[in-house]
Amino acid sequence: MALTIKEQATLVTDVIRQRRSVYADAFLDKEIPDALIEELIVNATWAPTYYQTEPWRFVVLRGRHRARLGAHLLAYYQQQWTVEQFPPSRYEAVRIYAQHSTMVAILFKRHPKVRVKEWEELAAVACAVQNLWLSCAAHGLGGYWDSTDGTVDYIQQLGVLGDNERSLCIFHMGYPDDQPAPKRRRKLLRKKLSWLE
């Protein structure tokens, strides 16, 4: 039986408002099926895009990349930060950070001929990531947008960037542990909404 428009709207609203950032160190040791990953990425590609330039590309990273990212971040932080900023007590947590994560490298791909403002293209990529994130939430998966310098640097060193491409982030996703993420409140609507007639 098909859902009514109102029922569909309620479902969408619930998914949007229940979405939370779930960090990679809170994922269970459980693989996401390939078919589901493909479905999530297809949903991401349905984001709005000016002139249909689709300024994104996705690279799924699993297996050895989990340990490699952890080792890369550990070395990166040790090089970039002082011991006070990054004490040895944090080393192990960083090293195993992505051990159960399915990672999706988000690449920004500029169209070589269509002239669209860069901010519009970046906004389209952000919409694609939001679609991915909401799709994860709808399937009971946790997600997290990781755009730290060390993560972006890792993608750049993989040799996966093509012409007119730039590394933006890694989106981590996985099955969260049983601990529900705390619900955060939003500021009152009257502080963020104006009406002009």
N, C-alpha and C. Protein backbone atom coordinates (compact mmCIF):
# COMPACT_ATOMS: atom_id res chain seq x y z
N MET A 1 0.85 -1.18 0.00
CA MET A 1 0.00 0.00 0.00
C MET A 1 0.89 1.24 0.00
N ALA A 2 0.63 2.13 -0.92
CA ALA A 2 1.43 3.34 -1.07
C ALA A 2 1.15 4.31 0.07
N LEU A 3 2.21 5.01 0.49
CA LEU A 3 2.05 6.01 1.54
C LEU A 3 1.43 7.28 0.96
N THR A 4 0.67 7.96 1.78
CA THR A 4 0.12 9.25 1.37
C THR A 4 1.25 10.28 1.39
N ILE A 5 0.99 11.41 0.76
CA ILE A 5 1.98 12.50 0.76
C ILE A 5 2.31 12.92 2.19
N LYS A 6 1.30 13.00 3.03
CA LYS A 6 1.53 13.40 4.42
C LYS A 6 2.39 12.38 5.15
N GLU A 7 2.14 11.08 4.92
CA GLU A 7 2.94 10.03 5.56
C GLU A 7 4.39 10.08 5.07
N GLN A 8 4.57 10.32 3.77
CA GLN A 8 5.92 10.45 3.22
C GLN A 8 6.64 11.64 3.85
N ALA A 9 5.93 12.76 3.96
CA ALA A 9 6.54 13.96 4.56
C ALA A 9 6.93 13.72 6.00
N THR A 10 6.10 12.99 6.74
CA THR A 10 6.42 12.66 8.13
C THR A 10 7.67 11.81 8.22
N LEU A 11 7.80 10.82 7.35
CA LEU A 11 8.99 9.97 7.33
C LEU A 11 10.25 10.78 7.04
N VAL A 12 10.17 11.65 6.03
CA VAL A 12 11.32 12.49 5.68
C VAL A 12 11.71 13.39 6.85
N THR A 13 10.71 14.01 7.47
CA THR A 13 10.96 14.88 8.61
C THR A 13 11.63 14.11 9.75
N ASP A 14 11.15 12.91 10.01
CA ASP A 14 11.74 12.09 11.08
C ASP A 14 13.21 11.77 10.79
N VAL A 15 13.51 11.39 9.56
CA VAL A 15 14.90 11.06 9.20
C VAL A 15 15.79 12.29 9.34
N ILE A 16 15.32 13.44 8.86
CA ILE A 16 16.11 14.66 8.96
C ILE A 16 16.40 15.01 10.41
N ARG A 17 15.39 14.93 11.25
CA ARG A 17 15.56 15.36 12.64
C ARG A 17 16.23 14.34 13.53
N GLN A 18 16.29 13.09 13.09
CA GLN A 18 16.95 12.06 13.88
C GLN A 18 18.41 11.82 13.43
N ARG A 19 18.80 12.41 12.32
CA ARG A 19 20.18 12.25 11.86
C ARG A 19 21.15 12.82 12.88
N ARG A 20 22.22 12.10 13.15
CA ARG A 20 23.23 12.55 14.10
C ARG A 20 24.61 12.26 13.53
N SER A 21 25.59 12.99 13.99
CA SER A 21 26.98 12.65 13.68
C SER A 21 27.36 11.48 14.58
N VAL A 22 27.78 10.41 13.96
CA VAL A 22 28.28 9.24 14.70
C VAL A 22 29.71 9.04 14.24
N TYR A 23 30.65 9.16 15.15
CA TYR A 23 32.06 9.13 14.80
C TYR A 23 32.56 7.71 14.57
N ALA A 24 33.60 7.62 13.77
CA ALA A 24 34.09 6.32 13.29
C ALA A 24 34.49 5.39 14.42
N ASP A 25 34.92 5.93 15.54
CA ASP A 25 35.34 5.05 16.64
C ASP A 25 34.15 4.44 17.39
N ALA A 26 32.93 4.77 16.97
CA ALA A 26 31.73 4.21 17.60
C ALA A 26 31.05 3.17 16.71
N PHE A 27 31.73 2.75 15.63
CA PHE A 27 31.12 1.77 14.72
C PHE A 27 31.42 0.34 15.17
N LEU A 28 30.45 -0.52 14.92
CA LEU A 28 30.62 -1.95 15.20
C LEU A 28 31.46 -2.60 14.10
N ASP A 29 32.03 -3.74 14.40
CA ASP A 29 32.81 -4.50 13.42
C ASP A 29 31.84 -5.28 12.53
N LYS A 30 31.19 -4.56 11.63
CA LYS A 30 30.18 -5.15 10.76
C LYS A 30 30.24 -4.42 9.41
N GLU A 31 30.44 -5.18 8.36
CA GLU A 31 30.57 -4.59 7.03
C GLU A 31 29.22 -4.13 6.47
N ILE A 32 29.24 -3.03 5.76
CA ILE A 32 28.06 -2.58 5.03
C ILE A 32 28.06 -3.31 3.68
N PRO A 33 26.97 -3.96 3.30
CA PRO A 33 26.94 -4.67 2.01
C PRO A 33 27.21 -3.74 0.83
N ASP A 34 27.91 -4.25 -0.18
CA ASP A 34 28.24 -3.45 -1.36
C ASP A 34 26.99 -2.86 -2.01
N ALA A 35 25.93 -3.65 -2.11
CA ALA A 35 24.71 -3.17 -2.76
C ALA A 35 24.11 -1.98 -2.02
N LEU A 36 24.19 -1.99 -0.69
CA LEU A 36 23.69 -0.87 0.08
C LEU A 36 24.57 0.36 -0.11
N ILE A 37 25.88 0.17 -0.15
CA ILE A 37 26.78 1.31 -0.41
C ILE A 37 26.45 1.93 -1.75
N GLU A 38 26.23 1.12 -2.76
CA GLU A 38 25.89 1.66 -4.08
C GLU A 38 24.58 2.43 -4.04
N GLU A 39 23.59 1.91 -3.31
CA GLU A 39 22.31 2.61 -3.19
C GLU A 39 22.50 3.97 -2.52
N LEU A 40 23.31 4.01 -1.47
CA LEU A 40 23.57 5.27 -0.77
C LEU A 40 24.24 6.29 -1.69
N ILE A 41 25.21 5.82 -2.48
CA ILE A 41 25.91 6.72 -3.40
C ILE A 41 24.97 7.21 -4.50
N VAL A 42 24.12 6.32 -5.01
CA VAL A 42 23.13 6.76 -6.02
C VAL A 42 22.25 7.85 -5.43
N ASN A 43 21.80 7.68 -4.19
CA ASN A 43 21.00 8.72 -3.55
C ASN A 43 21.77 10.03 -3.46
N ALA A 44 23.06 9.94 -3.17
CA ALA A 44 23.89 11.15 -3.10
C ALA A 44 23.88 11.89 -4.43
N THR A 45 23.91 11.14 -5.53
CA THR A 45 24.00 11.78 -6.85
C THR A 45 22.71 12.44 -7.31
N TRP A 46 21.65 12.27 -6.53
CA TRP A 46 20.39 12.93 -6.85
C TRP A 46 20.31 14.33 -6.23
N ALA A 47 21.41 14.83 -5.75
CA ALA A 47 21.45 16.19 -5.21
C ALA A 47 21.27 17.20 -6.34
N PRO A 48 20.74 18.39 -6.02
CA PRO A 48 20.60 19.42 -7.05
C PRO A 48 21.97 19.88 -7.54
N THR A 49 22.08 20.10 -8.83
CA THR A 49 23.33 20.53 -9.42
C THR A 49 23.05 21.46 -10.61
N TYR A 50 23.62 22.62 -10.58
CA TYR A 50 23.40 23.64 -11.61
C TYR A 50 23.92 23.14 -12.94
N TYR A 51 23.11 23.25 -13.99
CA TYR A 51 23.45 22.76 -15.33
C TYR A 51 23.78 21.27 -15.33
N GLN A 52 23.39 20.57 -14.32
CA GLN A 52 23.64 19.13 -14.19
C GLN A 52 25.12 18.79 -14.40
N THR A 53 25.99 19.60 -13.81
CA THR A 53 27.43 19.34 -13.92
C THR A 53 27.86 18.16 -13.06
N GLU A 54 27.07 17.82 -12.03
CA GLU A 54 27.39 16.73 -11.09
C GLU A 54 28.88 16.80 -10.68
N PRO A 55 29.24 17.83 -9.90
CA PRO A 55 30.65 18.10 -9.60
C PRO A 55 31.23 17.24 -8.48
N TRP A 56 30.98 15.96 -8.52
CA TRP A 56 31.43 15.08 -7.45
C TRP A 56 31.93 13.76 -8.03
N ARG A 57 32.75 13.12 -7.22
CA ARG A 57 33.13 11.74 -7.48
C ARG A 57 33.37 11.10 -6.13
N PHE A 58 33.07 9.83 -6.03
CA PHE A 58 33.14 9.11 -4.76
C PHE A 58 34.09 7.92 -4.89
N VAL A 59 34.95 7.73 -3.92
CA VAL A 59 35.86 6.59 -3.90
C VAL A 59 35.67 5.88 -2.56
N VAL A 60 35.21 4.63 -2.61
CA VAL A 60 34.99 3.86 -1.39
C VAL A 60 36.32 3.27 -0.93
N LEU A 61 36.64 3.47 0.35
CA LEU A 61 37.88 2.98 0.94
C LEU A 61 37.54 2.03 2.08
N ARG A 62 38.04 0.81 1.98
CA ARG A 62 37.83 -0.17 3.04
C ARG A 62 39.12 -0.98 3.21
N GLY A 63 39.02 -2.08 3.93
CA GLY A 63 40.15 -2.99 4.06
C GLY A 63 41.39 -2.30 4.62
N ARG A 64 42.49 -2.39 3.90
CA ARG A 64 43.78 -1.88 4.38
C ARG A 64 43.77 -0.38 4.64
N HIS A 65 42.84 0.34 4.01
CA HIS A 65 42.80 1.80 4.19
C HIS A 65 42.42 2.21 5.60
N ARG A 66 41.73 1.34 6.32
CA ARG A 66 41.37 1.66 7.71
C ARG A 66 42.62 1.83 8.56
N ALA A 67 43.51 0.88 8.48
CA ALA A 67 44.76 0.97 9.25
C ALA A 67 45.68 2.03 8.68
N ARG A 68 45.70 2.16 7.36
CA ARG A 68 46.59 3.15 6.73
C ARG A 68 46.17 4.58 7.08
N LEU A 69 44.86 4.83 7.12
CA LEU A 69 44.42 6.17 7.50
C LEU A 69 44.83 6.47 8.94
N GLY A 70 44.63 5.51 9.83
CA GLY A 70 45.01 5.71 11.23
C GLY A 70 46.49 6.01 11.36
N ALA A 71 47.34 5.24 10.67
CA ALA A 71 48.79 5.46 10.73
C ALA A 71 49.15 6.82 10.12
N HIS A 72 48.48 7.17 9.03
CA HIS A 72 48.74 8.46 8.38
C HIS A 72 48.38 9.62 9.30
N LEU A 73 47.21 9.53 9.93
CA LEU A 73 46.79 10.61 10.83
C LEU A 73 47.72 10.73 12.03
N LEU A 74 48.15 9.59 12.56
CA LEU A 74 49.07 9.62 13.70
C LEU A 74 50.36 10.33 13.32
N ALA A 75 50.94 9.97 12.18
CA ALA A 75 52.17 10.62 11.73
C ALA A 75 51.95 12.10 11.41
N TYR A 76 50.80 12.38 10.80
CA TYR A 76 50.48 13.76 10.41
C TYR A 76 50.37 14.65 11.65
N TYR A 77 49.63 14.20 12.66
CA TYR A 77 49.44 15.00 13.86
C TYR A 77 50.74 15.15 14.65
N GLN A 78 51.55 14.10 14.68
CA GLN A 78 52.83 14.19 15.37
C GLN A 78 53.73 15.24 14.71
N GLN A 79 53.61 15.34 13.39
CA GLN A 79 54.44 16.30 12.66
C GLN A 79 53.91 17.73 12.77
N GLN A 80 52.58 17.87 12.77
CA GLN A 80 51.97 19.20 12.72
C GLN A 80 51.76 19.84 14.10
N TRP A 81 51.58 19.03 15.12
CA TRP A 81 51.21 19.55 16.43
C TRP A 81 52.32 19.32 17.45
N THR A 82 52.30 20.12 18.49
CA THR A 82 53.25 19.94 19.59
C THR A 82 52.79 18.79 20.47
N VAL A 83 53.65 18.34 21.37
CA VAL A 83 53.30 17.26 22.30
C VAL A 83 52.16 17.70 23.21
N GLU A 84 52.11 19.00 23.54
CA GLU A 84 51.03 19.51 24.38
C GLU A 84 49.69 19.43 23.63
N GLN A 85 49.71 19.74 22.33
CA GLN A 85 48.48 19.70 21.54
C GLN A 85 48.05 18.27 21.24
N PHE A 86 49.02 17.38 21.09
CA PHE A 86 48.73 16.00 20.71
C PHE A 86 49.59 15.06 21.56
N PRO A 87 49.17 14.82 22.80
CA PRO A 87 49.96 13.99 23.73
C PRO A 87 49.93 12.51 23.35
N PRO A 88 50.96 11.77 23.79
CA PRO A 88 51.02 10.33 23.49
C PRO A 88 49.79 9.55 23.95
N SER A 89 49.07 10.05 24.93
CA SER A 89 47.87 9.36 25.42
C SER A 89 46.79 9.25 24.33
N ARG A 90 46.89 10.07 23.29
CA ARG A 90 45.89 10.05 22.22
C ARG A 90 46.30 9.18 21.04
N TYR A 91 47.54 8.70 21.03
CA TYR A 91 48.07 7.98 19.87
C TYR A 91 47.24 6.76 19.49
N GLU A 92 46.92 5.92 20.47
CA GLU A 92 46.22 4.67 20.16
C GLU A 92 44.83 4.93 19.61
N ALA A 93 44.13 5.93 20.16
CA ALA A 93 42.79 6.25 19.67
C ALA A 93 42.83 6.68 18.21
N VAL A 94 43.84 7.46 17.83
CA VAL A 94 43.97 7.90 16.44
C VAL A 94 44.35 6.72 15.54
N ARG A 95 45.26 5.88 16.03
CA ARG A 95 45.74 4.77 15.21
C ARG A 95 44.61 3.82 14.82
N ILE A 96 43.66 3.59 15.73
CA ILE A 96 42.56 2.66 15.44
C ILE A 96 41.27 3.39 15.06
N TYR A 97 41.35 4.68 14.77
CA TYR A 97 40.19 5.53 14.55
C TYR A 97 39.20 4.93 13.55
N ALA A 98 39.68 4.49 12.41
CA ALA A 98 38.79 4.06 11.34
C ALA A 98 38.71 2.55 11.19
N GLN A 99 39.02 1.80 12.24
CA GLN A 99 39.14 0.35 12.10
C GLN A 99 37.87 -0.36 11.66
N HIS A 100 36.69 0.22 11.93
CA HIS A 100 35.44 -0.42 11.51
C HIS A 100 34.64 0.46 10.55
N SER A 101 35.30 1.44 9.97
CA SER A 101 34.60 2.42 9.13
C SER A 101 34.65 2.02 7.66
N THR A 102 33.54 2.24 6.97
CA THR A 102 33.56 2.28 5.51
C THR A 102 33.70 3.75 5.17
N MET A 103 34.74 4.08 4.43
CA MET A 103 35.04 5.47 4.15
C MET A 103 34.74 5.79 2.69
N VAL A 104 34.19 6.95 2.46
CA VAL A 104 33.93 7.41 1.10
C VAL A 104 34.68 8.72 0.92
N ALA A 105 35.69 8.69 0.07
CA ALA A 105 36.40 9.92 -0.25
C ALA A 105 35.49 10.77 -1.14
N ILE A 106 35.28 12.00 -0.73
CA ILE A 106 34.43 12.92 -1.49
C ILE A 106 35.34 13.83 -2.30
N LEU A 107 35.26 13.69 -3.62
CA LEU A 107 36.10 14.48 -4.51
C LEU A 107 35.26 15.54 -5.20
N PHE A 108 35.81 16.73 -5.28
CA PHE A 108 35.17 17.85 -5.96
C PHE A 108 35.73 17.90 -7.37
N LYS A 109 34.85 17.73 -8.36
CA LYS A 109 35.28 17.68 -9.76
C LYS A 109 34.68 18.85 -10.52
N ARG A 110 35.54 19.77 -10.89
CA ARG A 110 35.08 20.94 -11.66
C ARG A 110 34.86 20.55 -13.11
N HIS A 111 33.75 20.99 -13.67
CA HIS A 111 33.47 20.74 -15.08
C HIS A 111 34.39 21.62 -15.92
N PRO A 112 35.09 21.04 -16.91
CA PRO A 112 36.08 21.84 -17.67
C PRO A 112 35.49 22.88 -18.59
N LYS A 113 34.21 22.75 -18.98
CA LYS A 113 33.65 23.67 -19.96
C LYS A 113 32.53 24.55 -19.41
N VAL A 114 31.64 23.97 -18.61
CA VAL A 114 30.52 24.74 -18.09
C VAL A 114 31.03 25.68 -17.01
N ARG A 115 30.76 26.96 -17.17
CA ARG A 115 31.23 27.95 -16.21
C ARG A 115 30.16 28.18 -15.14
N VAL A 116 30.36 27.57 -14.01
CA VAL A 116 29.48 27.73 -12.86
C VAL A 116 30.35 28.22 -11.72
N LYS A 117 29.83 29.14 -10.92
CA LYS A 117 30.61 29.65 -9.79
C LYS A 117 31.03 28.51 -8.87
N GLU A 118 32.26 28.60 -8.37
CA GLU A 118 32.78 27.51 -7.55
C GLU A 118 31.92 27.25 -6.32
N TRP A 119 31.41 28.33 -5.70
CA TRP A 119 30.63 28.13 -4.48
C TRP A 119 29.36 27.33 -4.80
N GLU A 120 28.80 27.51 -6.00
CA GLU A 120 27.61 26.75 -6.37
C GLU A 120 27.93 25.27 -6.54
N GLU A 121 29.11 25.00 -7.10
CA GLU A 121 29.53 23.61 -7.26
C GLU A 121 29.81 22.97 -5.90
N LEU A 122 30.47 23.70 -5.02
CA LEU A 122 30.74 23.18 -3.68
C LEU A 122 29.43 22.95 -2.90
N ALA A 123 28.47 23.85 -3.10
CA ALA A 123 27.17 23.68 -2.45
C ALA A 123 26.48 22.42 -2.96
N ALA A 124 26.64 22.12 -4.24
CA ALA A 124 26.05 20.90 -4.80
C ALA A 124 26.68 19.66 -4.16
N VAL A 125 28.00 19.69 -3.98
CA VAL A 125 28.68 18.56 -3.34
C VAL A 125 28.19 18.41 -1.90
N ALA A 126 28.04 19.53 -1.19
CA ALA A 126 27.53 19.47 0.18
C ALA A 126 26.12 18.87 0.21
N CYS A 127 25.29 19.21 -0.78
CA CYS A 127 23.95 18.62 -0.86
C CYS A 127 24.05 17.11 -1.11
N ALA A 128 25.00 16.69 -1.93
CA ALA A 128 25.19 15.25 -2.18
C ALA A 128 25.58 14.53 -0.89
N VAL A 129 26.47 15.15 -0.12
CA VAL A 129 26.87 14.54 1.16
C VAL A 129 25.68 14.48 2.11
N GLN A 130 24.86 15.51 2.13
CA GLN A 130 23.66 15.48 2.98
C GLN A 130 22.72 14.35 2.54
N ASN A 131 22.55 14.17 1.23
CA ASN A 131 21.74 13.04 0.77
C ASN A 131 22.31 11.71 1.25
N LEU A 132 23.64 11.58 1.16
CA LEU A 132 24.31 10.37 1.62
C LEU A 132 24.07 10.16 3.11
N TRP A 133 24.21 11.23 3.87
CA TRP A 133 24.07 11.18 5.32
C TRP A 133 22.64 10.80 5.72
N LEU A 134 21.66 11.43 5.09
CA LEU A 134 20.27 11.12 5.40
C LEU A 134 19.92 9.69 4.99
N SER A 135 20.48 9.24 3.88
CA SER A 135 20.24 7.87 3.44
C SER A 135 20.83 6.88 4.44
N CYS A 136 22.02 7.20 4.96
CA CYS A 136 22.62 6.37 6.01
C CYS A 136 21.69 6.30 7.22
N ALA A 137 21.19 7.45 7.65
CA ALA A 137 20.30 7.50 8.82
C ALA A 137 19.05 6.66 8.59
N ALA A 138 18.51 6.73 7.37
CA ALA A 138 17.30 5.96 7.06
C ALA A 138 17.54 4.46 7.11
N HIS A 139 18.79 4.04 6.90
CA HIS A 139 19.15 2.62 6.92
C HIS A 139 19.77 2.19 8.26
N GLY A 140 19.72 3.08 9.25
CA GLY A 140 20.25 2.73 10.57
C GLY A 140 21.77 2.80 10.65
N LEU A 141 22.39 3.50 9.73
CA LEU A 141 23.85 3.65 9.72
C LEU A 141 24.23 4.99 10.34
N GLY A 142 25.38 5.02 10.96
CA GLY A 142 25.92 6.28 11.45
C GLY A 142 26.83 6.88 10.40
N GLY A 143 27.03 8.18 10.48
CA GLY A 143 27.90 8.85 9.53
C GLY A 143 28.59 10.05 10.13
N TYR A 144 29.67 10.46 9.47
CA TYR A 144 30.45 11.59 9.96
C TYR A 144 31.28 12.16 8.81
N TRP A 145 31.21 13.47 8.65
CA TRP A 145 31.98 14.19 7.63
C TRP A 145 33.31 14.59 8.26
N ASP A 146 34.41 14.04 7.78
CA ASP A 146 35.74 14.31 8.32
C ASP A 146 36.56 15.07 7.28
N SER A 147 36.69 16.37 7.49
CA SER A 147 37.43 17.21 6.54
C SER A 147 38.70 17.77 7.15
N THR A 148 39.25 17.07 8.15
CA THR A 148 40.49 17.54 8.76
C THR A 148 41.62 17.52 7.72
N ASP A 149 42.62 18.35 7.95
CA ASP A 149 43.73 18.45 7.00
C ASP A 149 44.41 17.11 6.77
N GLY A 150 44.57 16.33 7.84
CA GLY A 150 45.23 15.03 7.71
C GLY A 150 44.46 14.07 6.83
N THR A 151 43.14 14.11 6.92
CA THR A 151 42.30 13.24 6.10
C THR A 151 42.36 13.64 4.64
N VAL A 152 42.24 14.95 4.38
CA VAL A 152 42.33 15.45 3.00
C VAL A 152 43.69 15.11 2.41
N ASP A 153 44.74 15.25 3.21
CA ASP A 153 46.09 14.92 2.78
C ASP A 153 46.20 13.44 2.42
N TYR A 154 45.56 12.57 3.18
CA TYR A 154 45.59 11.14 2.89
C TYR A 154 45.02 10.84 1.50
N ILE A 155 43.87 11.45 1.20
CA ILE A 155 43.25 11.22 -0.10
C ILE A 155 44.17 11.72 -1.22
N GLN A 156 44.77 12.89 -1.02
CA GLN A 156 45.65 13.44 -2.05
C GLN A 156 46.82 12.52 -2.34
N GLN A 157 47.30 11.81 -1.34
CA GLN A 157 48.44 10.93 -1.52
C GLN A 157 48.08 9.57 -2.13
N LEU A 158 46.80 9.27 -2.27
CA LEU A 158 46.40 7.98 -2.83
C LEU A 158 46.59 7.89 -4.34
N GLY A 159 46.70 9.03 -4.99
CA GLY A 159 46.83 9.02 -6.44
C GLY A 159 45.53 8.78 -7.17
N VAL A 160 44.40 9.10 -6.53
CA VAL A 160 43.09 8.87 -7.16
C VAL A 160 42.51 10.14 -7.79
N LEU A 161 43.16 11.27 -7.57
CA LEU A 161 42.61 12.52 -8.09
C LEU A 161 42.87 12.64 -9.59
N GLY A 162 41.82 12.94 -10.33
CA GLY A 162 41.94 13.16 -11.77
C GLY A 162 42.07 14.64 -12.08
N ASP A 163 42.00 14.95 -13.35
CA ASP A 163 42.07 16.34 -13.78
C ASP A 163 40.90 17.12 -13.19
N ASN A 164 41.18 18.33 -12.77
CA ASN A 164 40.15 19.23 -12.22
C ASN A 164 39.49 18.68 -10.96
N GLU A 165 40.17 17.80 -10.23
CA GLU A 165 39.59 17.23 -9.01
C GLU A 165 40.37 17.68 -7.79
N ARG A 166 39.62 17.76 -6.68
CA ARG A 166 40.19 18.16 -5.41
C ARG A 166 39.57 17.31 -4.30
N SER A 167 40.37 16.96 -3.33
CA SER A 167 39.90 16.21 -2.17
C SER A 167 39.19 17.15 -1.20
N LEU A 168 37.97 16.78 -0.79
CA LEU A 168 37.24 17.61 0.16
C LEU A 168 37.16 16.99 1.55
N CYS A 169 36.92 15.69 1.60
CA CYS A 169 36.74 15.05 2.90
C CYS A 169 36.64 13.55 2.74
N ILE A 170 36.59 12.88 3.87
CA ILE A 170 36.19 11.48 3.90
C ILE A 170 34.90 11.42 4.71
N PHE A 171 33.90 10.77 4.14
CA PHE A 171 32.67 10.52 4.87
C PHE A 171 32.76 9.11 5.44
N HIS A 172 32.76 9.02 6.76
CA HIS A 172 32.80 7.73 7.45
C HIS A 172 31.38 7.24 7.66
N MET A 173 31.17 5.95 7.45
CA MET A 173 29.86 5.40 7.74
C MET A 173 30.00 3.97 8.25
N GLY A 174 29.07 3.57 9.09
CA GLY A 174 29.10 2.24 9.66
C GLY A 174 27.90 2.01 10.55
N TYR A 175 27.82 0.79 11.04
CA TYR A 175 26.74 0.45 11.98
C TYR A 175 27.15 0.94 13.36
N PRO A 176 26.37 1.83 13.97
CA PRO A 176 26.75 2.37 15.28
C PRO A 176 26.53 1.35 16.40
N ASP A 177 27.27 1.55 17.48
CA ASP A 177 27.03 0.72 18.65
C ASP A 177 25.66 1.07 19.23
N ASP A 178 25.26 0.41 20.30
CA ASP A 178 23.90 0.57 20.82
C ASP A 178 23.66 1.88 21.57
N GLN A 179 24.70 2.63 21.79
CA GLN A 179 24.52 3.88 22.54
C GLN A 179 23.92 4.95 21.63
N PRO A 180 22.73 5.40 21.92
CA PRO A 180 22.14 6.44 21.07
C PRO A 180 22.89 7.76 21.22
N ALA A 181 23.04 8.43 20.10
CA ALA A 181 23.68 9.75 20.15
C ALA A 181 22.76 10.73 20.86
N PRO A 182 23.33 11.62 21.67
CA PRO A 182 22.48 12.59 22.37
C PRO A 182 21.78 13.52 21.38
N LYS A 183 20.53 13.82 21.69
CA LYS A 183 19.79 14.75 20.84
C LYS A 183 20.20 16.16 21.18
N ARG A 184 20.50 16.92 20.15
CA ARG A 184 20.88 18.30 20.37
C ARG A 184 19.71 19.20 20.01
N ARG A 185 19.58 20.25 20.75
CA ARG A 185 18.51 21.20 20.49
C ARG A 185 18.95 22.19 19.43
N ARG A 186 18.01 22.74 18.75
CA ARG A 186 18.26 23.82 17.79
C ARG A 186 17.77 25.12 18.40
N LYS A 187 18.37 26.21 17.97
CA LYS A 187 17.94 27.52 18.46
C LYS A 187 16.49 27.77 18.05
N LEU A 188 15.82 28.60 18.79
CA LEU A 188 14.42 28.90 18.49
C LEU A 188 14.29 29.46 17.09
N LEU A 189 13.25 29.03 16.40
CA LEU A 189 13.04 29.44 15.02
C LEU A 189 12.93 30.95 14.88
N ARG A 190 12.34 31.61 15.85
CA ARG A 190 12.17 33.06 15.76
C ARG A 190 13.49 33.81 15.73
N LYS A 191 14.58 33.15 16.16
CA LYS A 191 15.90 33.79 16.12
C LYS A 191 16.57 33.63 14.76
N LYS A 192 15.98 32.79 13.90
CA LYS A 192 16.62 32.50 12.62
C LYS A 192 15.73 32.74 11.41
N LEU A 193 14.50 33.12 11.65
CA LEU A 193 13.55 33.25 10.55
C LEU A 193 12.92 34.64 10.55
N SER A 194 12.94 35.26 9.38
CA SER A 194 12.28 36.56 9.21
C SER A 194 11.25 36.44 8.09
N TRP A 195 10.23 37.27 8.17
CA TRP A 195 9.21 37.28 7.11
C TRP A 195 9.10 38.69 6.55
N LEU A 196 9.11 38.82 5.26
CA LEU A 196 8.89 40.10 4.60
C LEU A 196 7.74 39.97 3.62
N GLU A 197 6.84 40.93 3.65
CA GLU A 197 5.70 40.88 2.72
C GLU A 197 5.53 42.21 2.05
